Amino acid sequence: LEQAKCECHIFNGTEPVQHLNRYVYKREENLRFHSDLGEF
């Protein structure tokens, strides 16, 4: 089973929105993108 999970975090109205994309295969996270870091 493969899943893609996307999250969006808004801390307050003045900071940029934070995006987090996670890719899970067989219940194990194998790839993650974090918008603050800008890398996988």
PDB file of N, CA and C in Angstrom:
ATOM      1  N   LEU A   1       0.839  -1.184   0.000  1.00  0.00           N
ATOM      2  CA  LEU A   1       0.000   0.000   0.000  1.00  0.00           C
ATOM      3  C   LEU A   1       0.879   1.241   0.000  1.00  0.00           C
ATOM      4  N   GLU A   2       0.606   2.151  -0.919  1.00  0.00           N
ATOM      5  CA  GLU A   2       1.362   3.398  -1.013  1.00  0.00           C
ATOM      6  C   GLU A   2       0.425   4.567  -0.741  1.00  0.00           C
ATOM      7  N   GLN A   3       0.884   5.532   0.054  1.00  0.00           N
ATOM      8  CA  GLN A   3       0.068   6.687   0.407  1.00  0.00           C
ATOM      9  C   GLN A   3       0.874   7.965   0.241  1.00  0.00           C
ATOM     10  N   ALA A   4       0.173   9.029  -0.086  1.00  0.00           N
ATOM     11  CA  ALA A   4       0.755  10.372  -0.080  1.00  0.00           C
ATOM     12  C   ALA A   4      -0.053  11.187   0.912  1.00  0.00           C
ATOM     13  N   LYS A   5       0.632  11.804   1.855  1.00  0.00           N
ATOM     14  CA  LYS A   5      -0.038  12.612   2.874  1.00  0.00           C
ATOM     15  C   LYS A   5       0.478  14.036   2.766  1.00  0.00           C
ATOM     16  N   CYS A   6      -0.443  14.974   2.666  1.00  0.00           N
ATOM     17  CA  CYS A   6      -0.085  16.389   2.542  1.00  0.00           C
ATOM     18  C   CYS A   6      -0.661  17.154   3.720  1.00  0.00           C
ATOM     19  N   GLU A   7       0.155  18.034   4.283  1.00  0.00           N
ATOM     20  CA  GLU A   7      -0.275  18.853   5.412  1.00  0.00           C
ATOM     21  C   GLU A   7       0.040  20.312   5.108  1.00  0.00           C
ATOM     22  N   CYS A   8      -0.775  21.183   5.652  1.00  0.00           N
ATOM     23  CA  CYS A   8      -0.581  22.620   5.523  1.00  0.00           C
ATOM     24  C   CYS A   8      -0.697  23.213   6.918  1.00  0.00           C
ATOM     25  N   HIS A   9       0.345  23.928   7.361  1.00  0.00           N
ATOM     26  CA  HIS A   9       0.357  24.496   8.713  1.00  0.00           C
ATOM     27  C   HIS A   9       0.347  26.023   8.629  1.00  0.00           C
ATOM     28  N   ILE A  10      -0.602  26.629   9.320  1.00  0.00           N
ATOM     29  CA  ILE A  10      -0.692  28.082   9.398  1.00  0.00           C
ATOM     30  C   ILE A  10      -0.581  28.453  10.874  1.00  0.00           C
ATOM     31  N   PHE A  11       0.504  29.111  11.243  1.00  0.00           N
ATOM     32  CA  PHE A  11       0.748  29.421  12.649  1.00  0.00           C
ATOM     33  C   PHE A  11       0.097  30.738  13.059  1.00  0.00           C
ATOM     34  N   ASN A  12       0.217  31.748  12.221  1.00  0.00           N
ATOM     35  CA  ASN A  12      -0.500  33.010  12.423  1.00  0.00           C
ATOM     36  C   ASN A  12      -0.576  33.709  11.073  1.00  0.00           C
ATOM     37  N   GLY A  13      -1.223  34.842  11.018  1.00  0.00           N
ATOM     38  CA  GLY A  13      -1.444  35.494   9.733  1.00  0.00           C
ATOM     39  C   GLY A  13      -0.241  36.194   9.137  1.00  0.00           C
ATOM     40  N   THR A  14       0.865  36.288   9.859  1.00  0.00           N
ATOM     41  CA  THR A  14       2.014  37.040   9.357  1.00  0.00           C
ATOM     42  C   THR A  14       3.141  36.158   8.829  1.00  0.00           C
ATOM     43  N   GLU A  15       3.179  34.893   9.199  1.00  0.00           N
ATOM     44  CA  GLU A  15       4.244  33.996   8.746  1.00  0.00           C
ATOM     45  C   GLU A  15       3.809  33.245   7.489  1.00  0.00           C
ATOM     46  N   PRO A  16       4.772  32.819   6.662  1.00  0.00           N
ATOM     47  CA  PRO A  16       4.428  32.026   5.479  1.00  0.00           C
ATOM     48  C   PRO A  16       3.791  30.692   5.878  1.00  0.00           C
ATOM     49  N   VAL A  17       2.955  30.179   4.987  1.00  0.00           N
ATOM     50  CA  VAL A  17       2.322  28.877   5.205  1.00  0.00           C
ATOM     51  C   VAL A  17       3.377  27.796   5.039  1.00  0.00           C
ATOM     52  N   GLN A  18       3.334  26.784   5.882  1.00  0.00           N
ATOM     53  CA  GLN A  18       4.296  25.683   5.859  1.00  0.00           C
ATOM     54  C   GLN A  18       3.623  24.450   5.245  1.00  0.00           C
ATOM     55  N   HIS A  19       4.251  23.874   4.213  1.00  0.00           N
ATOM     56  CA  HIS A  19       3.718  22.689   3.543  1.00  0.00           C
ATOM     57  C   HIS A  19       4.599  21.491   3.867  1.00  0.00           C
ATOM     58  N   LEU A  20       3.952  20.355   4.071  1.00  0.00           N
ATOM     59  CA  LEU A  20       4.670  19.116   4.346  1.00  0.00           C
ATOM     60  C   LEU A  20       4.018  18.006   3.534  1.00  0.00           C
ATOM     61  N   ASN A  21       4.785  17.378   2.653  1.00  0.00           N
ATOM     62  CA  ASN A  21       4.310  16.241   1.863  1.00  0.00           C
ATOM     63  C   ASN A  21       5.091  15.011   2.288  1.00  0.00           C
ATOM     64  N   ARG A  22       4.360  13.947   2.628  1.00  0.00           N
ATOM     65  CA  ARG A  22       5.008  12.706   3.046  1.00  0.00           C
ATOM     66  C   ARG A  22       4.525  11.566   2.156  1.00  0.00           C
ATOM     67  N   TYR A  23       5.439  10.700   1.793  1.00  0.00           N
ATOM     68  CA  TYR A  23       5.119   9.546   0.962  1.00  0.00           C
ATOM     69  C   TYR A  23       5.432   8.285   1.758  1.00  0.00           C
ATOM     70  N   VAL A  24       4.427   7.427   1.895  1.00  0.00           N
ATOM     71  CA  VAL A  24       4.513   6.258   2.765  1.00  0.00           C
ATOM     72  C   VAL A  24       4.282   5.004   1.924  1.00  0.00           C
ATOM     73  N   TYR A  25       5.138   4.016   2.110  1.00  0.00           N
ATOM     74  CA  TYR A  25       4.997   2.720   1.441  1.00  0.00           C
ATOM     75  C   TYR A  25       5.121   1.631   2.490  1.00  0.00           C
ATOM     76  N   LYS A  26       4.125   0.778   2.561  1.00  0.00           N
ATOM     77  CA  LYS A  26       4.078  -0.314   3.546  1.00  0.00           C
ATOM     78  C   LYS A  26       4.295   0.209   4.967  1.00  0.00           C
ATOM     79  N   ARG A  27       3.578   1.276   5.313  1.00  0.00           N
ATOM     80  CA  ARG A  27       3.608   1.889   6.649  1.00  0.00           C
ATOM     81  C   ARG A  27       4.947   2.521   7.023  1.00  0.00           C
ATOM     82  N   GLU A  28       5.832   2.696   6.055  1.00  0.00           N
ATOM     83  CA  GLU A  28       7.135   3.299   6.330  1.00  0.00           C
ATOM     84  C   GLU A  28       7.313   4.546   5.465  1.00  0.00           C
ATOM     85  N   GLU A  29       7.602   5.664   6.110  1.00  0.00           N
ATOM     86  CA  GLU A  29       7.818   6.899   5.364  1.00  0.00           C
ATOM     87  C   GLU A  29       9.133   6.794   4.606  1.00  0.00           C
ATOM     88  N   ASN A  30       9.068   7.001   3.284  1.00  0.00           N
ATOM     89  CA  ASN A  30      10.289   6.870   2.502  1.00  0.00           C
ATOM     90  C   ASN A  30      10.694   8.158   1.788  1.00  0.00           C
ATOM     91  N   LEU A  31       9.838   9.183   1.843  1.00  0.00           N
ATOM     92  CA  LEU A  31      10.179  10.454   1.215  1.00  0.00           C
ATOM     93  C   LEU A  31       9.378  11.561   1.886  1.00  0.00           C
ATOM     94  N   ARG A  32      10.018  12.711   2.111  1.00  0.00           N
ATOM     95  CA  ARG A  32       9.343  13.843   2.764  1.00  0.00           C
ATOM     96  C   ARG A  32       9.840  15.141   2.140  1.00  0.00           C
ATOM     97  N   PHE A  33       8.895  16.032   1.860  1.00  0.00           N
ATOM     98  CA  PHE A  33       9.240  17.378   1.405  1.00  0.00           C
ATOM     99  C   PHE A  33       8.732  18.371   2.435  1.00  0.00           C
ATOM    100  N   HIS A  34       9.606  19.274   2.862  1.00  0.00           N
ATOM    101  CA  HIS A  34       9.249  20.306   3.834  1.00  0.00           C
ATOM    102  C   HIS A  34       9.527  21.655   3.181  1.00  0.00           C
ATOM    103  N   SER A  35       8.501  22.501   3.081  1.00  0.00           N
ATOM    104  CA  SER A  35       8.650  23.762   2.352  1.00  0.00           C
ATOM    105  C   SER A  35       9.666  24.711   2.988  1.00  0.00           C
ATOM    106  N   ASP A  36       9.821  24.688   4.299  1.00  0.00           N
ATOM    107  CA  ASP A  36      10.812  25.563   4.942  1.00  0.00           C
ATOM    108  C   ASP A  36      12.234  25.195   4.530  1.00  0.00           C
ATOM    109  N   LEU A  37      12.491  23.908   4.359  1.00  0.00           N
ATOM    110  CA  LEU A  37      13.821  23.454   3.957  1.00  0.00           C
ATOM    111  C   LEU A  37      13.998  23.504   2.443  1.00  0.00           C
ATOM    112  N   GLY A  38      12.891  23.343   1.702  1.00  0.00           N
ATOM    113  CA  GLY A  38      12.937  23.378   0.246  1.00  0.00           C
ATOM    114  C   GLY A  38      13.616  22.173  -0.370  1.00  0.00           C
ATOM    115  N   GLU A  39      13.602  21.056   0.329  1.00  0.00           N
ATOM    116  CA  GLU A  39      14.252  19.846  -0.191  1.00  0.00           C
ATOM    117  C   GLU A  39      13.515  18.598   0.281  1.00  0.00           C
ATOM    118  N   PHE A  40      13.785  17.500  -0.396  1.00  0.00           N
ATOM    119  CA  PHE A  40      13.212  16.201  -0.022  1.00  0.00           C
ATOM    120  C   PHE A  40      14.117  15.512   0.963  1.00  0.00           C
TER     121      PHE A  40
END
